[in-house]
C-alpha atoms as a PDB file:
ATOM      1  CA  UNK A   1     -44.185 -38.994  35.022  1.00  0.00           C
ATOM      2  CA  UNK A   2     -40.424 -39.514  35.222  1.00  0.00           C
ATOM      3  CA  UNK A   3     -40.543 -39.919  39.023  1.00  0.00           C
ATOM      4  CA  UNK A   4     -43.461 -42.370  38.780  1.00  0.00           C
ATOM      5  CA  UNK A   5     -41.574 -44.486  36.238  1.00  0.00           C
ATOM      6  CA  UNK A   6     -38.494 -44.580  38.471  1.00  0.00           C
ATOM      7  CA  UNK A   7     -40.666 -45.753  41.377  1.00  0.00           C
ATOM      8  CA  UNK A   8     -42.086 -48.564  39.239  1.00  0.00           C
ATOM      9  CA  UNK A   9     -38.752 -49.890  38.001  1.00  0.00           C
ATOM     10  CA  UNK A  10     -38.003 -53.522  38.696  1.00  0.00           C
ATOM     11  CA  UNK A  11     -34.601 -52.523  40.079  1.00  0.00           C
ATOM     12  CA  UNK A  12     -33.326 -50.065  42.635  1.00  0.00           C
ATOM     13  CA  UNK A  13     -32.479 -46.576  41.373  1.00  0.00           C
ATOM     14  CA  UNK A  14     -28.947 -47.018  42.717  1.00  0.00           C
ATOM     15  CA  UNK A  15     -28.577 -50.253  40.757  1.00  0.00           C
ATOM     16  CA  UNK A  16     -29.659 -48.449  37.602  1.00  0.00           C
ATOM     17  CA  UNK A  17     -27.071 -45.750  38.239  1.00  0.00           C
ATOM     18  CA  UNK A  18     -24.356 -48.370  38.780  1.00  0.00           C
ATOM     19  CA  UNK A  19     -25.412 -50.221  35.622  1.00  0.00           C
ATOM     20  CA  UNK A  20     -25.244 -46.979  33.650  1.00  0.00           C
ATOM     21  CA  UNK A  21     -21.693 -46.536  34.926  1.00  0.00           C
ATOM     22  CA  UNK A  22     -21.009 -50.119  33.776  1.00  0.00           C
ATOM     23  CA  UNK A  23     -22.420 -49.265  30.338  1.00  0.00           C
ATOM     24  CA  UNK A  24     -19.891 -46.424  30.207  1.00  0.00           C
ATOM     25  CA  UNK A  25     -17.084 -48.775  31.276  1.00  0.00           C
ATOM     26  CA  UNK A  26     -17.994 -51.403  28.662  1.00  0.00           C
ATOM     27  CA  UNK A  27     -18.196 -48.743  25.944  1.00  0.00           C
ATOM     28  CA  UNK A  28     -14.802 -47.418  26.959  1.00  0.00           C
ATOM     29  CA  UNK A  29     -13.356 -50.957  26.922  1.00  0.00           C
ATOM     30  CA  UNK A  30     -14.724 -51.467  23.418  1.00  0.00           C
ATOM     31  CA  UNK A  31     -13.139 -48.244  22.189  1.00  0.00           C
ATOM     32  CA  UNK A  32      -9.881 -49.106  23.933  1.00  0.00           C
ATOM     33  CA  UNK A  33      -9.699 -52.516  22.266  1.00  0.00           C
ATOM     34  CA  UNK A  34     -10.387 -50.849  18.927  1.00  0.00           C
ATOM     35  CA  UNK A  35      -7.406 -48.521  19.452  1.00  0.00           C
ATOM     36  CA  UNK A  36      -5.227 -51.484  20.433  1.00  0.00           C
ATOM     37  CA  UNK A  37      -6.337 -53.399  17.339  1.00  0.00           C
ATOM     38  CA  UNK A  38      -5.443 -50.455  15.136  1.00  0.00           C
ATOM     39  CA  UNK A  39      -1.979 -50.207  16.707  1.00  0.00           C
ATOM     40  CA  UNK A  40      -1.412 -53.922  16.036  1.00  0.00           C
ATOM     41  CA  UNK A  41      -2.745 -53.670  12.477  1.00  0.00           C
ATOM     42  CA  UNK A  42      -0.332 -50.844  11.698  1.00  0.00           C
ATOM     43  CA  UNK A  43       2.612 -52.938  12.870  1.00  0.00           C
ATOM     44  CA  UNK A  44       1.757 -56.212  11.174  1.00  0.00           C
ATOM     45  CA  UNK A  45       0.549 -58.107  14.248  1.00  0.00           C
ATOM     46  CA  UNK A  46      -2.372 -59.485  12.286  1.00  0.00           C
ATOM     47  CA  UNK A  47      -3.599 -62.161  14.694  1.00  0.00           C
ATOM     48  CA  UNK A  48      -3.348 -59.811  17.653  1.00  0.00           C
ATOM     49  CA  UNK A  49      -5.286 -57.201  15.682  1.00  0.00           C
ATOM     50  CA  UNK A  50      -7.981 -59.738  14.788  1.00  0.00           C
ATOM     51  CA  UNK A  51      -8.208 -60.861  18.434  1.00  0.00           C
ATOM     52  CA  UNK A  52      -8.518 -57.256  19.640  1.00  0.00           C
ATOM     53  CA  UNK A  53     -11.122 -56.331  17.013  1.00  0.00           C
ATOM     54  CA  UNK A  54     -13.139 -59.289  18.297  1.00  0.00           C
ATOM     55  CA  UNK A  55     -12.635 -58.129  21.897  1.00  0.00           C
ATOM     56  CA  UNK A  56     -13.914 -54.689  20.924  1.00  0.00           C
ATOM     57  CA  UNK A  57     -17.064 -56.207  19.432  1.00  0.00           C
ATOM     58  CA  UNK A  58     -17.586 -58.381  22.536  1.00  0.00           C
ATOM     59  CA  UNK A  59     -17.318 -55.386  24.860  1.00  0.00           C
ATOM     60  CA  UNK A  60     -19.900 -53.564  22.770  1.00  0.00           C
ATOM     61  CA  UNK A  61     -22.179 -56.613  23.030  1.00  0.00           C
ATOM     62  CA  UNK A  62     -21.730 -56.559  26.808  1.00  0.00           C
ATOM     63  CA  UNK A  63     -22.587 -52.866  26.848  1.00  0.00           C
ATOM     64  CA  UNK A  64     -25.718 -53.502  24.805  1.00  0.00           C
ATOM     65  CA  UNK A  65     -26.854 -56.377  27.064  1.00  0.00           C
ATOM     66  CA  UNK A  66     -26.704 -54.082  30.067  1.00  0.00           C
ATOM     67  CA  UNK A  67     -28.258 -51.191  28.134  1.00  0.00           C
ATOM     68  CA  UNK A  68     -31.228 -53.319  27.096  1.00  0.00           C
ATOM     69  CA  UNK A  69     -31.608 -54.807  30.598  1.00  0.00           C
ATOM     70  CA  UNK A  70     -31.831 -51.353  32.195  1.00  0.00           C
ATOM     71  CA  UNK A  71     -34.507 -50.282  29.745  1.00  0.00           C
ATOM     72  CA  UNK A  72     -36.399 -53.584  30.050  1.00  0.00           C
ATOM     73  CA  UNK A  73     -36.565 -53.041  33.817  1.00  0.00           C
ATOM     74  CA  UNK A  74     -38.196 -49.654  33.310  1.00  0.00           C
ATOM     75  CA  UNK A  75     -35.011 -47.708  33.824  1.00  0.00           C
ATOM     76  CA  UNK A  76     -33.247 -45.170  31.654  1.00  0.00           C
ATOM     77  CA  UNK A  77     -30.106 -46.520  29.999  1.00  0.00           C
ATOM     78  CA  UNK A  78     -27.663 -43.791  29.063  1.00  0.00           C
ATOM     79  CA  UNK A  79     -25.541 -43.861  25.933  1.00  0.00           C
ATOM     80  CA  UNK A  80     -21.870 -43.677  26.925  1.00  0.00           C
ATOM     81  CA  UNK A  81     -19.681 -40.728  26.089  1.00  0.00           C
ATOM     82  CA  UNK A  82     -16.208 -42.017  25.266  1.00  0.00           C
ATOM     83  CA  UNK A  83     -13.210 -39.682  25.460  1.00  0.00           C
ATOM     84  CA  UNK A  84      -9.461 -39.873  25.951  1.00  0.00           C
ATOM     85  CA  UNK A  85      -8.768 -43.338  24.609  1.00  0.00           C
ATOM     86  CA  UNK A  86      -5.065 -44.231  24.555  1.00  0.00           C
ATOM     87  CA  UNK A  87      -3.799 -44.890  21.023  1.00  0.00           C
ATOM     88  CA  UNK A  88      -0.060 -44.955  21.604  1.00  0.00           C
ATOM     89  CA  UNK A  89       1.618 -48.037  23.010  1.00  0.00           C
ATOM     90  CA  UNK A  90       5.269 -48.922  23.345  1.00  0.00           C
ATOM     91  CA  UNK A  91       4.974 -52.644  22.668  1.00  0.00           C
ATOM     92  CA  UNK A  92       2.719 -55.585  21.967  1.00  0.00           C
ATOM     93  CA  UNK A  93       3.298 -56.738  25.525  1.00  0.00           C
ATOM     94  CA  UNK A  94       2.068 -53.382  26.854  1.00  0.00           C
ATOM     95  CA  UNK A  95      -1.122 -53.846  24.823  1.00  0.00           C
ATOM     96  CA  UNK A  96      -1.918 -57.105  26.604  1.00  0.00           C
ATOM     97  CA  UNK A  97      -0.852 -55.786  30.012  1.00  0.00           C
ATOM     98  CA  UNK A  98      -3.256 -52.889  29.478  1.00  0.00           C
ATOM     99  CA  UNK A  99      -5.957 -55.294  28.346  1.00  0.00           C
ATOM    100  CA  UNK A 100      -5.553 -57.421  31.476  1.00  0.00           C
ATOM    101  CA  UNK A 101      -5.693 -54.366  33.736  1.00  0.00           C
ATOM    102  CA  UNK A 102      -8.824 -53.228  31.922  1.00  0.00           C
ATOM    103  CA  UNK A 103     -10.481 -56.647  32.369  1.00  0.00           C
ATOM    104  CA  UNK A 104      -9.619 -56.695  36.076  1.00  0.00           C
ATOM    105  CA  UNK A 105     -11.202 -53.250  36.444  1.00  0.00           C
ATOM    106  CA  UNK A 106     -14.380 -54.459  34.705  1.00  0.00           C
ATOM    107  CA  UNK A 107     -14.487 -57.552  36.934  1.00  0.00           C
ATOM    108  CA  UNK A 108     -14.211 -55.432  40.074  1.00  0.00           C
ATOM    109  CA  UNK A 109     -16.994 -53.178  38.888  1.00  0.00           C
ATOM    110  CA  UNK A 110     -19.321 -56.098  38.103  1.00  0.00           C
ATOM    111  CA  UNK A 111     -18.561 -57.610  41.511  1.00  0.00           C
ATOM    112  CA  UNK A 112     -19.324 -54.299  43.230  1.00  0.00           C
ATOM    113  CA  UNK A 113     -22.693 -54.046  41.511  1.00  0.00           C
ATOM    114  CA  UNK A 114     -23.534 -57.620  42.483  1.00  0.00           C
ATOM    115  CA  UNK A 115     -22.523 -56.968  46.095  1.00  0.00           C
ATOM    116  CA  UNK A 116     -24.744 -53.886  46.176  1.00  0.00           C
ATOM    117  CA  UNK A 117     -27.639 -55.753  44.568  1.00  0.00           C
ATOM    118  CA  UNK A 118     -27.296 -58.648  47.021  1.00  0.00           C
ATOM    119  CA  UNK A 119     -27.132 -56.329  50.027  1.00  0.00           C
ATOM    120  CA  UNK A 120     -30.211 -54.430  48.830  1.00  0.00           C
ATOM    121  CA  UNK A 121     -32.291 -57.436  47.726  1.00  0.00           C
ATOM    122  CA  UNK A 122     -32.143 -56.387  44.080  1.00  0.00           C
ATOM    123  CA  UNK A 123     -32.304 -59.997  42.954  1.00  0.00           C
ATOM    124  CA  UNK A 124     -33.054 -59.354  39.278  1.00  0.00           C
ATOM    125  CA  UNK A 125     -29.872 -57.332  38.902  1.00  0.00           C
ATOM    126  CA  UNK A 126     -27.835 -59.918  40.783  1.00  0.00           C
ATOM    127  CA  UNK A 127     -29.233 -62.722  38.634  1.00  0.00           C
ATOM    128  CA  UNK A 128     -28.672 -60.803  35.396  1.00  0.00           C
ATOM    129  CA  UNK A 129     -25.014 -60.141  36.217  1.00  0.00           C
ATOM    130  CA  UNK A 130     -24.126 -63.780  36.940  1.00  0.00           C
ATOM    131  CA  UNK A 131     -23.365 -64.362  33.244  1.00  0.00           C
ATOM    132  CA  UNK A 132     -20.887 -61.478  33.388  1.00  0.00           C
ATOM    133  CA  UNK A 133     -19.050 -63.088  36.317  1.00  0.00           C
ATOM    134  CA  UNK A 134     -18.271 -66.184  34.232  1.00  0.00           C
ATOM    135  CA  UNK A 135     -17.447 -64.072  31.197  1.00  0.00           C
ATOM    136  CA  UNK A 136     -14.954 -61.965  33.154  1.00  0.00           C
ATOM    137  CA  UNK A 137     -13.175 -65.023  34.527  1.00  0.00           C
ATOM    138  CA  UNK A 138     -12.696 -66.192  30.932  1.00  0.00           C
ATOM    139  CA  UNK A 139     -11.557 -62.759  29.719  1.00  0.00           C
ATOM    140  CA  UNK A 140      -8.944 -62.403  32.452  1.00  0.00           C
ATOM    141  CA  UNK A 141      -7.655 -65.940  31.826  1.00  0.00           C
ATOM    142  CA  UNK A 142      -7.276 -65.248  28.098  1.00  0.00           C
ATOM    143  CA  UNK A 143      -5.171 -62.154  28.765  1.00  0.00           C
ATOM    144  CA  UNK A 144      -3.026 -63.943  31.351  1.00  0.00           C
ATOM    145  CA  UNK A 145      -2.437 -66.819  28.928  1.00  0.00           C
ATOM    146  CA  UNK A 146      -1.246 -64.363  26.282  1.00  0.00           C
ATOM    147  CA  UNK A 147       1.019 -62.577  28.761  1.00  0.00           C
ATOM    148  CA  UNK A 148       2.489 -65.959  29.713  1.00  0.00           C
ATOM    149  CA  UNK A 149       3.711 -66.228  26.113  1.00  0.00           C
ATOM    150  CA  UNK A 150       5.855 -63.117  26.584  1.00  0.00           C
ATOM    151  CA  UNK A 151       7.347 -64.584  29.745  1.00  0.00           C
ATOM    152  CA  UNK A 152       8.114 -67.864  28.010  1.00  0.00           C
ATOM    153  CA  UNK A 153       9.305 -66.540  24.657  1.00  0.00           C
ATOM    154  CA  UNK A 154      10.568 -63.032  25.306  1.00  0.00           C
ATOM    155  CA  UNK A 155       9.461 -59.702  23.927  1.00  0.00           C
ATOM    156  CA  UNK A 156      11.947 -58.940  21.161  1.00  0.00           C
ATOM    157  CA  UNK A 157      12.679 -59.926  17.604  1.00  0.00           C
ATOM    158  CA  UNK A 158      11.245 -63.121  16.199  1.00  0.00           C
ATOM    159  CA  UNK A 159       9.581 -63.930  19.540  1.00  0.00           C
ATOM    160  CA  UNK A 160       7.002 -61.216  18.807  1.00  0.00           C
ATOM    161  CA  UNK A 161       6.064 -62.831  15.502  1.00  0.00           C
ATOM    162  CA  UNK A 162       5.827 -66.243  17.163  1.00  0.00           C
ATOM    163  CA  UNK A 163       3.633 -64.822  19.924  1.00  0.00           C
ATOM    164  CA  UNK A 164       1.382 -63.087  17.398  1.00  0.00           C
ATOM    165  CA  UNK A 165       0.962 -66.388  15.560  1.00  0.00           C
ATOM    166  CA  UNK A 166      -0.284 -68.006  18.791  1.00  0.00           C
ATOM    167  CA  UNK A 167      -2.957 -65.423  19.580  1.00  0.00           C
ATOM    168  CA  UNK A 168      -6.360 -67.160  19.517  1.00  0.00           C
ATOM    169  CA  UNK A 169      -8.618 -65.863  16.746  1.00  0.00           C
ATOM    170  CA  UNK A 170     -11.417 -68.429  16.834  1.00  0.00           C
END
């Protein structure tokens, strides 16, 4: 029965496997943002913590969108196993540098899945992931804008408090 179901999926098996890897990546990003938020909370960077808690929730939502899509297409979405999340950071700036690197990695992965789907005429997968393309552009921009604050204001003393106060928490 399992083989029959895989043959009747409305996506390629390889696409499903890549989407399951993306589910893992989104789950890891969510856990990573949670660790970053905790670090900020412990050090009194309240707006940064709030921003990062929200980022964690968004990454989980992204994971769940993909999870549901895989199952809706007749595939088998796999729950991610998350291990080895970094909890120790040297600075607030490092937090946002790590966040930007993480977002760039997610963007590359999404783009790779889309390229595969396009090459293999897996149009449903390609169409589904278009929302993620726009979302990733926004996520990367947000992190770059925050990192620009460190360049403009510095990364010591009162500058850190001023930067934290400018972190968007909408």
